[in-house]
């Protein structure tokens, strides 16, 4: 059997959500913007985190990250089980009274498996982080046409992302978050609930036939 240290390593392989350190949309509080007015100085500020939350893109991205994380965890678990079987097979082949050389060989195999698991885990975490960043980058690219449109209407030459650590105070007149969020397409799972349910073609045909028979 693997040593206690090895099992501790294997037990800790389930990846934590890498996106937590990247400030997924929805983590920042936004100041409520005033109605659209011409900003003084030609500079606008937008809170992309809040924009993503308003259109539920943060939920969409989190779901995508979780799905990718589950896939990577499954691969890690498969590797873990495979290495465990190999170790047990080698141990069984040495019998109940292995020689010193065999004991040393088992220990070397165990250490090699630990290193392999660590390396695969490291690559999986890096892959997940890269995937999450690609979702953020794609969202930012999607907002650019809307940002240009709002900036043009309000006479802004520069739009900067809102960052509480850098911007100590903001004139509400330069905040354009609400305008941008209102013009962005919402995620598909955020359809209005007051829309009437659409009937399928078969159901509509059946209802039509029943009405004509009456």
N, C-alpha and C. Protein backbone atom coordinates (compact mmCIF):
# COMPACT_ATOMS: atom_id res chain seq x y z
N UNK A 1 0.85 -1.21 0.00
CA UNK A 1 0.00 0.00 0.00
C UNK A 1 0.87 1.25 0.00
N UNK A 2 0.35 2.33 -0.52
CA UNK A 2 1.08 3.59 -0.53
C UNK A 2 1.31 4.05 0.91
N UNK A 3 2.37 4.83 1.12
CA UNK A 3 2.62 5.40 2.43
C UNK A 3 1.57 6.44 2.75
N UNK A 4 1.53 6.87 4.02
CA UNK A 4 0.57 7.89 4.43
C UNK A 4 0.77 9.18 3.67
N UNK A 5 2.05 9.55 3.41
CA UNK A 5 2.32 10.80 2.68
C UNK A 5 1.78 10.72 1.28
N UNK A 6 1.89 9.56 0.64
CA UNK A 6 1.40 9.42 -0.74
C UNK A 6 -0.11 9.55 -0.79
N UNK A 7 -0.78 8.89 0.18
CA UNK A 7 -2.26 8.97 0.17
C UNK A 7 -2.73 10.38 0.49
N UNK A 8 -1.94 11.10 1.31
CA UNK A 8 -2.29 12.50 1.58
C UNK A 8 -2.21 13.32 0.31
N UNK A 9 -1.21 13.00 -0.51
CA UNK A 9 -1.06 13.71 -1.79
C UNK A 9 -2.23 13.38 -2.71
N UNK A 10 -2.54 12.09 -2.80
CA UNK A 10 -3.63 11.67 -3.69
C UNK A 10 -4.96 12.24 -3.23
N UNK A 11 -5.16 12.29 -1.93
CA UNK A 11 -6.41 12.80 -1.41
C UNK A 11 -6.60 14.28 -1.68
N UNK A 12 -5.49 15.01 -1.87
CA UNK A 12 -5.59 16.43 -2.07
C UNK A 12 -5.58 16.86 -3.52
N UNK A 13 -5.74 15.88 -4.41
CA UNK A 13 -5.62 16.19 -5.83
C UNK A 13 -6.82 16.90 -6.41
N UNK A 14 -7.99 16.79 -5.76
CA UNK A 14 -9.17 17.41 -6.35
C UNK A 14 -8.95 18.91 -6.44
N UNK A 15 -9.02 19.40 -7.65
CA UNK A 15 -8.66 20.79 -7.91
C UNK A 15 -9.63 21.76 -7.26
N UNK A 16 -9.09 22.79 -6.64
CA UNK A 16 -9.92 23.88 -6.14
C UNK A 16 -10.24 24.79 -7.29
N UNK A 17 -11.29 25.59 -7.16
CA UNK A 17 -11.69 26.49 -8.24
C UNK A 17 -10.63 27.55 -8.44
N UNK A 18 -9.86 27.45 -9.52
CA UNK A 18 -8.78 28.38 -9.78
C UNK A 18 -9.30 29.78 -10.00
N UNK A 19 -10.53 29.89 -10.49
CA UNK A 19 -11.06 31.20 -10.82
C UNK A 19 -11.23 32.11 -9.63
N UNK A 20 -11.19 31.57 -8.38
CA UNK A 20 -11.46 32.41 -7.22
C UNK A 20 -10.46 33.55 -7.11
N UNK A 21 -9.20 33.32 -7.54
CA UNK A 21 -8.19 34.36 -7.41
C UNK A 21 -8.26 35.39 -8.50
N UNK A 22 -9.14 35.19 -9.49
CA UNK A 22 -9.18 36.06 -10.65
C UNK A 22 -10.33 37.04 -10.61
N UNK A 23 -10.97 37.12 -9.50
CA UNK A 23 -12.08 38.09 -9.37
C UNK A 23 -13.15 37.86 -10.41
N UNK A 24 -13.79 36.65 -10.29
CA UNK A 24 -14.88 36.36 -11.21
C UNK A 24 -15.96 37.42 -11.07
N UNK A 25 -16.64 37.70 -12.19
CA UNK A 25 -17.68 38.73 -12.15
C UNK A 25 -18.65 38.52 -11.02
N UNK A 26 -19.01 39.60 -10.32
CA UNK A 26 -19.96 39.50 -9.23
C UNK A 26 -19.33 39.71 -7.87
N UNK A 27 -17.94 39.86 -7.79
CA UNK A 27 -17.28 39.95 -6.52
C UNK A 27 -17.09 41.40 -6.06
N UNK A 28 -17.26 42.36 -6.93
CA UNK A 28 -17.04 43.74 -6.55
C UNK A 28 -18.37 44.46 -6.40
N UNK A 29 -18.41 45.40 -5.46
CA UNK A 29 -19.60 46.23 -5.31
C UNK A 29 -19.46 47.40 -6.25
N UNK A 30 -20.55 47.74 -6.92
CA UNK A 30 -20.52 48.83 -7.89
C UNK A 30 -21.30 50.01 -7.37
N UNK A 31 -20.77 51.21 -7.66
CA UNK A 31 -21.52 52.41 -7.32
C UNK A 31 -22.59 52.62 -8.37
N UNK A 32 -23.78 52.98 -7.91
CA UNK A 32 -24.87 53.18 -8.86
C UNK A 32 -24.60 54.42 -9.69
N UNK A 33 -24.69 54.25 -11.02
CA UNK A 33 -24.39 55.35 -11.90
C UNK A 33 -25.60 56.24 -12.09
N UNK A 34 -25.31 57.48 -12.42
CA UNK A 34 -26.36 58.45 -12.68
C UNK A 34 -26.86 58.28 -14.11
N UNK A 35 -28.00 58.88 -14.45
CA UNK A 35 -28.48 58.83 -15.83
C UNK A 35 -27.42 59.39 -16.76
N UNK A 36 -27.46 58.94 -18.03
CA UNK A 36 -26.44 59.30 -19.00
C UNK A 36 -26.27 60.81 -19.09
N UNK A 37 -25.04 61.25 -18.87
CA UNK A 37 -24.70 62.65 -19.02
C UNK A 37 -23.34 62.74 -19.68
N UNK A 38 -23.04 63.84 -20.28
CA UNK A 38 -21.74 64.05 -20.87
C UNK A 38 -20.70 64.09 -19.75
N UNK A 39 -19.67 63.24 -19.86
CA UNK A 39 -18.64 63.20 -18.83
C UNK A 39 -17.62 64.29 -19.08
N UNK A 40 -17.16 64.90 -18.00
CA UNK A 40 -16.16 65.95 -18.12
C UNK A 40 -14.78 65.31 -18.27
N UNK A 41 -13.97 65.83 -19.18
CA UNK A 41 -12.62 65.33 -19.34
C UNK A 41 -12.50 64.18 -20.31
N UNK A 42 -13.60 63.67 -20.83
CA UNK A 42 -13.54 62.62 -21.83
C UNK A 42 -13.08 61.28 -21.32
N UNK A 43 -13.25 60.99 -20.02
CA UNK A 43 -12.83 59.72 -19.44
C UNK A 43 -14.05 59.04 -18.81
N UNK A 44 -14.24 57.76 -19.14
CA UNK A 44 -15.34 56.99 -18.57
C UNK A 44 -14.82 55.81 -17.79
N UNK A 45 -15.62 55.32 -16.86
CA UNK A 45 -15.25 54.18 -16.03
C UNK A 45 -16.34 53.12 -16.14
N UNK A 46 -15.92 51.86 -16.33
CA UNK A 46 -16.88 50.77 -16.42
C UNK A 46 -16.46 49.63 -15.51
N UNK A 47 -17.41 49.08 -14.79
CA UNK A 47 -17.17 47.93 -13.92
C UNK A 47 -17.58 46.67 -14.68
N UNK A 48 -16.62 46.03 -15.33
CA UNK A 48 -16.93 44.85 -16.14
C UNK A 48 -17.39 43.68 -15.28
N UNK A 49 -16.92 43.63 -14.04
CA UNK A 49 -17.39 42.59 -13.12
C UNK A 49 -18.89 42.71 -12.90
N UNK A 50 -19.36 43.94 -12.68
CA UNK A 50 -20.78 44.16 -12.46
C UNK A 50 -21.57 43.95 -13.74
N UNK A 51 -20.99 44.32 -14.88
CA UNK A 51 -21.67 44.09 -16.17
C UNK A 51 -21.93 42.59 -16.34
N UNK A 52 -20.90 41.78 -16.09
CA UNK A 52 -21.05 40.33 -16.22
C UNK A 52 -22.11 39.79 -15.27
N UNK A 53 -22.18 40.34 -14.07
CA UNK A 53 -23.18 39.89 -13.11
C UNK A 53 -24.59 40.26 -13.56
N UNK A 54 -24.73 41.47 -14.10
CA UNK A 54 -26.06 41.94 -14.52
C UNK A 54 -26.63 41.05 -15.63
N UNK A 55 -25.77 40.59 -16.54
CA UNK A 55 -26.26 39.78 -17.66
C UNK A 55 -26.07 38.29 -17.41
N UNK A 56 -25.69 37.96 -16.18
CA UNK A 56 -25.50 36.56 -15.76
C UNK A 56 -24.39 35.85 -16.52
N UNK A 57 -23.47 36.59 -17.06
CA UNK A 57 -22.33 35.96 -17.72
C UNK A 57 -21.39 35.34 -16.70
N UNK A 58 -21.40 35.87 -15.46
CA UNK A 58 -20.56 35.28 -14.42
C UNK A 58 -20.99 33.84 -14.12
N UNK A 59 -22.31 33.61 -14.12
CA UNK A 59 -22.82 32.25 -13.90
C UNK A 59 -22.41 31.33 -15.04
N UNK A 60 -22.52 31.84 -16.25
CA UNK A 60 -22.16 31.07 -17.43
C UNK A 60 -20.69 30.67 -17.40
N UNK A 61 -19.83 31.62 -17.04
CA UNK A 61 -18.40 31.32 -16.99
C UNK A 61 -18.06 30.37 -15.86
N UNK A 62 -18.69 30.57 -14.70
CA UNK A 62 -18.45 29.66 -13.57
C UNK A 62 -18.86 28.23 -13.92
N UNK A 63 -19.99 28.08 -14.60
CA UNK A 63 -20.45 26.75 -14.99
C UNK A 63 -19.45 26.09 -15.95
N UNK A 64 -18.91 26.88 -16.88
CA UNK A 64 -17.94 26.34 -17.84
C UNK A 64 -16.66 25.91 -17.13
N UNK A 65 -16.22 26.71 -16.15
CA UNK A 65 -15.01 26.38 -15.40
C UNK A 65 -15.23 25.11 -14.57
N UNK A 66 -16.40 25.02 -13.94
CA UNK A 66 -16.70 23.84 -13.14
C UNK A 66 -16.75 22.57 -13.99
N UNK A 67 -17.30 22.69 -15.20
CA UNK A 67 -17.36 21.54 -16.09
C UNK A 67 -15.96 21.09 -16.49
N UNK A 68 -15.09 22.06 -16.82
CA UNK A 68 -13.72 21.71 -17.17
C UNK A 68 -12.98 21.12 -15.97
N UNK A 69 -13.22 21.68 -14.79
CA UNK A 69 -12.58 21.16 -13.58
C UNK A 69 -12.99 19.72 -13.31
N UNK A 70 -14.27 19.40 -13.52
CA UNK A 70 -14.74 18.03 -13.30
C UNK A 70 -14.06 17.06 -14.26
N UNK A 71 -13.86 17.50 -15.51
CA UNK A 71 -13.19 16.66 -16.49
C UNK A 71 -11.74 16.38 -16.08
N UNK A 72 -11.05 17.42 -15.61
CA UNK A 72 -9.66 17.25 -15.19
C UNK A 72 -9.56 16.38 -13.94
N UNK A 73 -10.49 16.56 -13.02
CA UNK A 73 -10.49 15.72 -11.81
C UNK A 73 -10.72 14.25 -12.15
N UNK A 74 -11.55 14.02 -13.14
CA UNK A 74 -11.81 12.63 -13.56
C UNK A 74 -10.54 12.00 -14.12
N UNK A 75 -9.78 12.77 -14.89
CA UNK A 75 -8.52 12.27 -15.43
C UNK A 75 -7.52 11.97 -14.31
N UNK A 76 -7.48 12.86 -13.31
CA UNK A 76 -6.58 12.65 -12.18
C UNK A 76 -6.95 11.40 -11.39
N UNK A 77 -8.24 11.20 -11.21
CA UNK A 77 -8.69 10.02 -10.47
C UNK A 77 -8.36 8.74 -11.23
N UNK A 78 -8.51 8.77 -12.54
CA UNK A 78 -8.16 7.61 -13.37
C UNK A 78 -6.67 7.28 -13.24
N UNK A 79 -5.84 8.32 -13.28
CA UNK A 79 -4.40 8.12 -13.13
C UNK A 79 -4.07 7.59 -11.75
N UNK A 80 -4.70 8.12 -10.73
CA UNK A 80 -4.47 7.67 -9.37
C UNK A 80 -4.76 6.18 -9.23
N UNK A 81 -5.90 5.75 -9.75
CA UNK A 81 -6.28 4.34 -9.66
C UNK A 81 -5.33 3.44 -10.44
N UNK A 82 -4.88 3.94 -11.59
CA UNK A 82 -3.95 3.16 -12.41
C UNK A 82 -2.62 2.97 -11.70
N UNK A 83 -2.11 4.04 -11.11
CA UNK A 83 -0.84 3.95 -10.38
C UNK A 83 -0.98 3.05 -9.15
N UNK A 84 -2.11 3.11 -8.50
CA UNK A 84 -2.33 2.27 -7.32
C UNK A 84 -2.33 0.79 -7.72
N UNK A 85 -2.97 0.48 -8.85
CA UNK A 85 -2.99 -0.92 -9.30
C UNK A 85 -1.58 -1.40 -9.63
N UNK A 86 -0.80 -0.57 -10.30
CA UNK A 86 0.57 -0.95 -10.64
C UNK A 86 1.41 -1.20 -9.39
N UNK A 87 1.24 -0.33 -8.41
CA UNK A 87 1.99 -0.48 -7.17
C UNK A 87 1.61 -1.78 -6.46
N UNK A 88 0.30 -2.05 -6.37
CA UNK A 88 -0.16 -3.26 -5.69
C UNK A 88 0.29 -4.52 -6.43
N UNK A 89 0.29 -4.47 -7.74
CA UNK A 89 0.74 -5.63 -8.52
C UNK A 89 2.21 -5.93 -8.26
N UNK A 90 3.02 -4.86 -8.23
CA UNK A 90 4.44 -5.06 -7.97
C UNK A 90 4.66 -5.57 -6.55
N UNK A 91 3.93 -5.04 -5.61
CA UNK A 91 4.07 -5.47 -4.22
C UNK A 91 3.68 -6.93 -4.06
N UNK A 92 2.58 -7.33 -4.71
CA UNK A 92 2.13 -8.73 -4.63
C UNK A 92 3.15 -9.67 -5.25
N UNK A 93 3.80 -9.21 -6.31
CA UNK A 93 4.78 -10.07 -7.00
C UNK A 93 6.00 -10.35 -6.13
N UNK A 94 6.27 -9.50 -5.14
CA UNK A 94 7.41 -9.69 -4.25
C UNK A 94 7.08 -10.60 -3.07
N UNK A 95 5.79 -10.92 -2.91
CA UNK A 95 5.39 -11.83 -1.85
C UNK A 95 5.31 -11.15 -0.49
N UNK A 96 5.11 -12.01 0.53
CA UNK A 96 4.94 -11.48 1.89
C UNK A 96 6.26 -11.14 2.57
N UNK A 97 7.35 -11.62 2.04
CA UNK A 97 8.66 -11.38 2.67
C UNK A 97 9.65 -10.85 1.63
N UNK A 98 9.46 -9.60 1.17
CA UNK A 98 10.34 -9.04 0.14
C UNK A 98 11.75 -8.83 0.67
N UNK A 99 12.71 -8.91 -0.24
CA UNK A 99 14.10 -8.66 0.11
C UNK A 99 14.32 -7.16 0.29
N UNK A 100 15.50 -6.82 0.79
CA UNK A 100 15.82 -5.41 0.98
C UNK A 100 15.82 -4.66 -0.35
N UNK A 101 16.31 -5.33 -1.38
CA UNK A 101 16.32 -4.71 -2.71
C UNK A 101 14.90 -4.46 -3.21
N UNK A 102 14.02 -5.42 -2.96
CA UNK A 102 12.63 -5.27 -3.38
C UNK A 102 11.92 -4.16 -2.61
N UNK A 103 12.19 -4.07 -1.31
CA UNK A 103 11.62 -2.99 -0.50
C UNK A 103 12.08 -1.64 -1.03
N UNK A 104 13.38 -1.55 -1.38
CA UNK A 104 13.92 -0.30 -1.91
C UNK A 104 13.28 0.03 -3.26
N UNK A 105 13.02 -1.01 -4.06
CA UNK A 105 12.39 -0.81 -5.36
C UNK A 105 10.95 -0.30 -5.20
N UNK A 106 10.23 -0.87 -4.21
CA UNK A 106 8.87 -0.41 -3.95
C UNK A 106 8.85 1.05 -3.51
N UNK A 107 9.81 1.40 -2.67
CA UNK A 107 9.88 2.79 -2.20
C UNK A 107 10.18 3.74 -3.35
N UNK A 108 11.09 3.33 -4.23
CA UNK A 108 11.43 4.17 -5.38
C UNK A 108 10.22 4.32 -6.31
N UNK A 109 9.46 3.23 -6.47
CA UNK A 109 8.26 3.29 -7.32
C UNK A 109 7.23 4.24 -6.72
N UNK A 110 7.09 4.16 -5.41
CA UNK A 110 6.12 5.02 -4.73
C UNK A 110 6.49 6.50 -4.91
N UNK A 111 7.77 6.81 -4.74
CA UNK A 111 8.22 8.20 -4.89
C UNK A 111 8.05 8.68 -6.33
N UNK A 112 8.31 7.79 -7.28
CA UNK A 112 8.15 8.15 -8.69
C UNK A 112 6.68 8.43 -9.01
N UNK A 113 5.78 7.63 -8.44
CA UNK A 113 4.36 7.85 -8.66
C UNK A 113 3.89 9.16 -8.03
N UNK A 114 4.42 9.49 -6.86
CA UNK A 114 4.08 10.76 -6.22
C UNK A 114 4.47 11.94 -7.10
N UNK A 115 5.69 11.86 -7.66
CA UNK A 115 6.16 12.95 -8.53
C UNK A 115 5.29 13.06 -9.77
N UNK A 116 4.89 11.93 -10.32
CA UNK A 116 4.05 11.95 -11.52
C UNK A 116 2.69 12.58 -11.23
N UNK A 117 2.11 12.23 -10.09
CA UNK A 117 0.82 12.80 -9.72
C UNK A 117 0.91 14.31 -9.49
N UNK A 118 1.99 14.73 -8.84
CA UNK A 118 2.19 16.16 -8.61
C UNK A 118 2.29 16.91 -9.94
N UNK A 119 3.03 16.35 -10.89
CA UNK A 119 3.23 17.01 -12.16
C UNK A 119 1.93 17.10 -12.95
N UNK A 120 1.15 16.03 -12.95
CA UNK A 120 -0.13 16.05 -13.66
C UNK A 120 -1.09 17.04 -13.01
N UNK A 121 -1.09 17.09 -11.69
CA UNK A 121 -1.94 18.04 -10.97
C UNK A 121 -1.54 19.48 -11.32
N UNK A 122 -0.23 19.74 -11.36
CA UNK A 122 0.25 21.08 -11.68
C UNK A 122 -0.18 21.50 -13.08
N UNK A 123 -0.05 20.59 -14.04
CA UNK A 123 -0.46 20.90 -15.41
C UNK A 123 -1.97 21.11 -15.51
N UNK A 124 -2.72 20.34 -14.75
CA UNK A 124 -4.18 20.47 -14.78
C UNK A 124 -4.61 21.82 -14.22
N UNK A 125 -3.96 22.25 -13.15
CA UNK A 125 -4.28 23.55 -12.57
C UNK A 125 -3.95 24.68 -13.53
N UNK A 126 -2.80 24.55 -14.22
CA UNK A 126 -2.40 25.56 -15.19
C UNK A 126 -3.38 25.60 -16.36
N UNK A 127 -3.84 24.44 -16.80
CA UNK A 127 -4.80 24.37 -17.90
C UNK A 127 -6.12 25.02 -17.51
N UNK A 128 -6.56 24.76 -16.28
CA UNK A 128 -7.82 25.34 -15.81
C UNK A 128 -7.71 26.86 -15.71
N UNK A 129 -6.57 27.34 -15.21
CA UNK A 129 -6.37 28.78 -15.10
C UNK A 129 -6.37 29.45 -16.47
N UNK A 130 -5.72 28.80 -17.44
CA UNK A 130 -5.68 29.33 -18.80
C UNK A 130 -7.06 29.36 -19.41
N UNK A 131 -7.83 28.31 -19.19
CA UNK A 131 -9.20 28.25 -19.72
C UNK A 131 -10.06 29.35 -19.12
N UNK A 132 -9.95 29.55 -17.82
CA UNK A 132 -10.74 30.59 -17.16
C UNK A 132 -10.38 31.97 -17.70
N UNK A 133 -9.09 32.21 -17.87
CA UNK A 133 -8.66 33.50 -18.39
C UNK A 133 -9.16 33.72 -19.81
N UNK A 134 -9.23 32.65 -20.59
CA UNK A 134 -9.72 32.78 -21.97
C UNK A 134 -11.19 33.19 -21.99
N UNK A 135 -11.97 32.72 -21.00
CA UNK A 135 -13.38 33.13 -20.91
C UNK A 135 -13.49 34.61 -20.55
N UNK A 136 -12.64 35.06 -19.64
CA UNK A 136 -12.64 36.47 -19.26
C UNK A 136 -12.24 37.35 -20.44
N UNK A 137 -11.20 36.93 -21.16
CA UNK A 137 -10.73 37.70 -22.31
C UNK A 137 -11.81 37.78 -23.39
N UNK A 138 -12.52 36.66 -23.61
CA UNK A 138 -13.58 36.65 -24.62
C UNK A 138 -14.71 37.60 -24.23
N UNK A 139 -15.03 37.64 -22.94
CA UNK A 139 -16.08 38.55 -22.47
C UNK A 139 -15.66 40.00 -22.67
N UNK A 140 -14.42 40.32 -22.35
CA UNK A 140 -13.93 41.68 -22.52
C UNK A 140 -13.99 42.10 -23.99
N UNK A 141 -13.62 41.18 -24.88
CA UNK A 141 -13.69 41.49 -26.31
C UNK A 141 -15.13 41.76 -26.74
N UNK A 142 -16.07 41.00 -26.16
CA UNK A 142 -17.48 41.17 -26.52
C UNK A 142 -18.01 42.53 -26.07
N UNK A 143 -17.45 43.07 -25.00
CA UNK A 143 -17.94 44.35 -24.50
C UNK A 143 -17.39 45.54 -25.29
N UNK A 144 -16.32 45.36 -26.02
CA UNK A 144 -15.65 46.49 -26.67
C UNK A 144 -16.55 47.27 -27.64
N UNK A 145 -17.31 46.61 -28.51
CA UNK A 145 -18.19 47.40 -29.40
C UNK A 145 -19.20 48.24 -28.64
N UNK A 146 -19.75 47.69 -27.55
CA UNK A 146 -20.71 48.44 -26.74
C UNK A 146 -20.01 49.60 -26.04
N UNK A 147 -18.82 49.35 -25.55
CA UNK A 147 -18.06 50.41 -24.88
C UNK A 147 -17.77 51.56 -25.84
N UNK A 148 -17.40 51.21 -27.07
CA UNK A 148 -17.12 52.26 -28.06
C UNK A 148 -18.39 53.06 -28.37
N UNK A 149 -19.50 52.34 -28.45
CA UNK A 149 -20.77 52.99 -28.77
C UNK A 149 -21.17 53.98 -27.67
N UNK A 150 -21.11 53.54 -26.42
CA UNK A 150 -21.47 54.41 -25.31
C UNK A 150 -20.48 55.56 -25.20
N UNK A 151 -19.20 55.27 -25.38
CA UNK A 151 -18.18 56.31 -25.29
C UNK A 151 -18.40 57.39 -26.35
N UNK A 152 -18.76 56.97 -27.55
CA UNK A 152 -19.00 57.93 -28.63
C UNK A 152 -20.19 58.82 -28.31
N UNK A 153 -21.26 58.22 -27.79
CA UNK A 153 -22.47 58.98 -27.48
C UNK A 153 -22.23 59.99 -26.35
N UNK A 154 -21.35 59.65 -25.43
CA UNK A 154 -21.12 60.52 -24.27
C UNK A 154 -19.88 61.39 -24.42
N UNK A 155 -19.23 61.34 -25.58
CA UNK A 155 -18.07 62.17 -25.82
C UNK A 155 -16.84 61.76 -25.04
N UNK A 156 -16.69 60.46 -24.84
CA UNK A 156 -15.54 59.95 -24.08
C UNK A 156 -14.43 59.52 -25.04
N UNK A 157 -13.23 59.88 -24.72
CA UNK A 157 -12.10 59.44 -25.52
C UNK A 157 -11.38 58.26 -24.88
N UNK A 158 -11.59 58.05 -23.59
CA UNK A 158 -10.94 56.97 -22.85
C UNK A 158 -11.96 56.31 -21.93
N UNK A 159 -11.96 54.96 -21.90
CA UNK A 159 -12.77 54.20 -20.94
C UNK A 159 -11.84 53.25 -20.21
N UNK A 160 -11.83 53.33 -18.89
CA UNK A 160 -10.95 52.48 -18.09
C UNK A 160 -11.79 51.57 -17.20
N UNK A 161 -11.28 50.37 -16.92
CA UNK A 161 -12.02 49.45 -16.04
C UNK A 161 -11.98 49.92 -14.60
N UNK A 162 -13.05 49.72 -13.91
CA UNK A 162 -13.14 50.14 -12.51
C UNK A 162 -12.27 49.24 -11.65
N UNK A 163 -11.44 49.85 -10.83
CA UNK A 163 -10.56 49.11 -9.94
C UNK A 163 -10.51 49.85 -8.61
N UNK A 164 -11.11 49.26 -7.59
CA UNK A 164 -11.20 49.92 -6.29
C UNK A 164 -9.84 50.19 -5.69
N UNK A 165 -8.83 49.40 -6.08
CA UNK A 165 -7.50 49.59 -5.54
C UNK A 165 -6.77 50.77 -6.15
N UNK A 166 -7.18 51.19 -7.35
CA UNK A 166 -6.50 52.28 -8.04
C UNK A 166 -7.31 53.56 -8.07
N UNK A 167 -8.64 53.43 -8.22
CA UNK A 167 -9.49 54.61 -8.31
C UNK A 167 -10.06 54.91 -6.92
N UNK A 168 -9.53 55.93 -6.28
CA UNK A 168 -9.95 56.24 -4.92
C UNK A 168 -11.32 56.89 -4.87
N UNK A 169 -11.65 57.70 -5.87
CA UNK A 169 -12.96 58.34 -5.93
C UNK A 169 -13.37 58.51 -7.38
N UNK A 170 -14.68 58.40 -7.65
CA UNK A 170 -15.19 58.45 -9.01
C UNK A 170 -16.40 59.38 -9.06
N UNK A 171 -16.40 60.29 -10.01
CA UNK A 171 -17.57 61.13 -10.24
C UNK A 171 -18.63 60.25 -10.92
N UNK A 172 -19.83 60.14 -10.34
CA UNK A 172 -20.87 59.29 -10.94
C UNK A 172 -21.14 59.61 -12.41
N UNK A 173 -20.82 60.82 -12.84
CA UNK A 173 -21.08 61.19 -14.23
C UNK A 173 -20.20 60.42 -15.22
N UNK A 174 -19.07 59.91 -14.76
CA UNK A 174 -18.18 59.19 -15.67
C UNK A 174 -18.43 57.68 -15.63
N UNK A 175 -19.31 57.22 -14.73
CA UNK A 175 -19.63 55.79 -14.63
C UNK A 175 -20.59 55.40 -15.74
N UNK A 176 -20.22 54.39 -16.55
CA UNK A 176 -21.07 53.98 -17.67
C UNK A 176 -21.49 52.51 -17.55
N UNK A 177 -21.30 51.92 -16.38
CA UNK A 177 -21.58 50.50 -16.17
C UNK A 177 -23.03 50.15 -16.51
N UNK A 178 -23.98 50.93 -16.02
CA UNK A 178 -25.40 50.62 -16.24
C UNK A 178 -25.74 50.65 -17.73
N UNK A 179 -25.22 51.63 -18.44
CA UNK A 179 -25.51 51.75 -19.88
C UNK A 179 -24.95 50.57 -20.65
N UNK A 180 -23.73 50.17 -20.31
CA UNK A 180 -23.11 49.04 -21.01
C UNK A 180 -23.87 47.76 -20.72
N UNK A 181 -24.22 47.53 -19.45
CA UNK A 181 -24.94 46.31 -19.08
C UNK A 181 -26.29 46.24 -19.77
N UNK A 182 -26.96 47.39 -19.92
CA UNK A 182 -28.29 47.42 -20.54
C UNK A 182 -28.23 47.06 -22.02
N UNK A 183 -27.10 47.30 -22.66
CA UNK A 183 -26.99 47.03 -24.10
C UNK A 183 -26.35 45.69 -24.43
N UNK A 184 -25.80 45.02 -23.42
CA UNK A 184 -25.17 43.73 -23.66
C UNK A 184 -26.21 42.63 -23.76
N UNK A 185 -26.02 41.66 -24.65
CA UNK A 185 -26.94 40.52 -24.71
C UNK A 185 -26.83 39.68 -23.45
N UNK A 186 -27.96 39.24 -22.94
CA UNK A 186 -27.96 38.45 -21.72
C UNK A 186 -27.71 37.00 -22.03
N UNK A 187 -27.24 36.26 -21.04
CA UNK A 187 -26.98 34.84 -21.21
C UNK A 187 -28.26 34.09 -21.50
N UNK A 188 -28.14 32.98 -22.20
CA UNK A 188 -29.32 32.23 -22.65
C UNK A 188 -30.17 31.70 -21.52
N UNK A 189 -29.59 31.49 -20.33
CA UNK A 189 -30.38 30.94 -19.23
C UNK A 189 -31.10 32.02 -18.46
N UNK A 190 -31.09 33.24 -18.97
CA UNK A 190 -31.74 34.34 -18.26
C UNK A 190 -32.93 34.88 -19.04
N UNK A 191 -33.65 34.01 -19.71
CA UNK A 191 -34.83 34.43 -20.47
C UNK A 191 -35.91 34.93 -19.52
N UNK A 192 -36.67 35.95 -19.91
CA UNK A 192 -37.76 36.43 -19.05
C UNK A 192 -38.74 35.32 -18.72
N UNK A 193 -39.15 35.30 -17.47
CA UNK A 193 -40.05 34.20 -17.05
C UNK A 193 -41.50 34.46 -17.43
N UNK A 194 -41.80 35.70 -17.86
CA UNK A 194 -43.19 36.00 -18.18
C UNK A 194 -43.55 35.70 -19.63
N UNK A 195 -42.57 35.11 -20.40
CA UNK A 195 -42.89 34.75 -21.78
C UNK A 195 -43.80 33.55 -21.80
N UNK A 196 -44.84 33.53 -22.64
CA UNK A 196 -45.70 32.35 -22.72
C UNK A 196 -44.95 31.17 -23.29
N UNK A 197 -45.23 30.00 -22.77
CA UNK A 197 -44.54 28.81 -23.25
C UNK A 197 -44.95 28.51 -24.68
N UNK A 198 -43.93 28.17 -25.51
CA UNK A 198 -44.22 27.85 -26.91
C UNK A 198 -44.65 26.40 -27.04
N UNK A 199 -45.72 26.16 -27.80
CA UNK A 199 -46.18 24.80 -28.02
C UNK A 199 -45.37 24.15 -29.11
N UNK A 200 -45.17 22.84 -28.96
CA UNK A 200 -44.48 22.12 -30.02
C UNK A 200 -45.43 21.96 -31.21
N UNK A 201 -44.87 21.67 -32.38
CA UNK A 201 -45.68 21.53 -33.58
C UNK A 201 -46.71 20.41 -33.43
N UNK A 202 -46.28 19.29 -32.83
CA UNK A 202 -47.19 18.16 -32.66
C UNK A 202 -48.35 18.53 -31.74
N UNK A 203 -48.02 19.23 -30.64
CA UNK A 203 -49.05 19.60 -29.69
C UNK A 203 -50.01 20.60 -30.32
N UNK A 204 -49.46 21.53 -31.09
CA UNK A 204 -50.31 22.53 -31.75
C UNK A 204 -51.23 21.86 -32.76
N UNK A 205 -50.70 20.87 -33.50
CA UNK A 205 -51.51 20.17 -34.50
C UNK A 205 -52.62 19.37 -33.83
N UNK A 206 -52.28 18.74 -32.68
CA UNK A 206 -53.28 17.96 -31.96
C UNK A 206 -54.40 18.86 -31.45
N UNK A 207 -54.00 20.04 -30.92
CA UNK A 207 -55.00 20.98 -30.42
C UNK A 207 -55.90 21.48 -31.53
N UNK A 208 -55.32 21.69 -32.72
CA UNK A 208 -56.10 22.16 -33.87
C UNK A 208 -57.10 21.11 -34.30
N UNK A 209 -56.66 19.83 -34.33
CA UNK A 209 -57.54 18.73 -34.73
C UNK A 209 -58.69 18.57 -33.75
N UNK A 210 -58.37 18.68 -32.45
CA UNK A 210 -59.40 18.55 -31.45
C UNK A 210 -60.44 19.65 -31.56
N UNK A 211 -59.99 20.86 -31.87
CA UNK A 211 -60.92 21.98 -32.01
C UNK A 211 -61.84 21.80 -33.20
N UNK A 212 -61.30 21.30 -34.34
CA UNK A 212 -62.09 21.12 -35.55
C UNK A 212 -63.12 20.03 -35.36
N UNK A 213 -62.78 18.99 -34.57
CA UNK A 213 -63.72 17.91 -34.34
C UNK A 213 -64.92 18.34 -33.50
N UNK A 214 -64.66 19.35 -32.65
CA UNK A 214 -65.77 19.88 -31.86
C UNK A 214 -66.72 20.65 -32.75
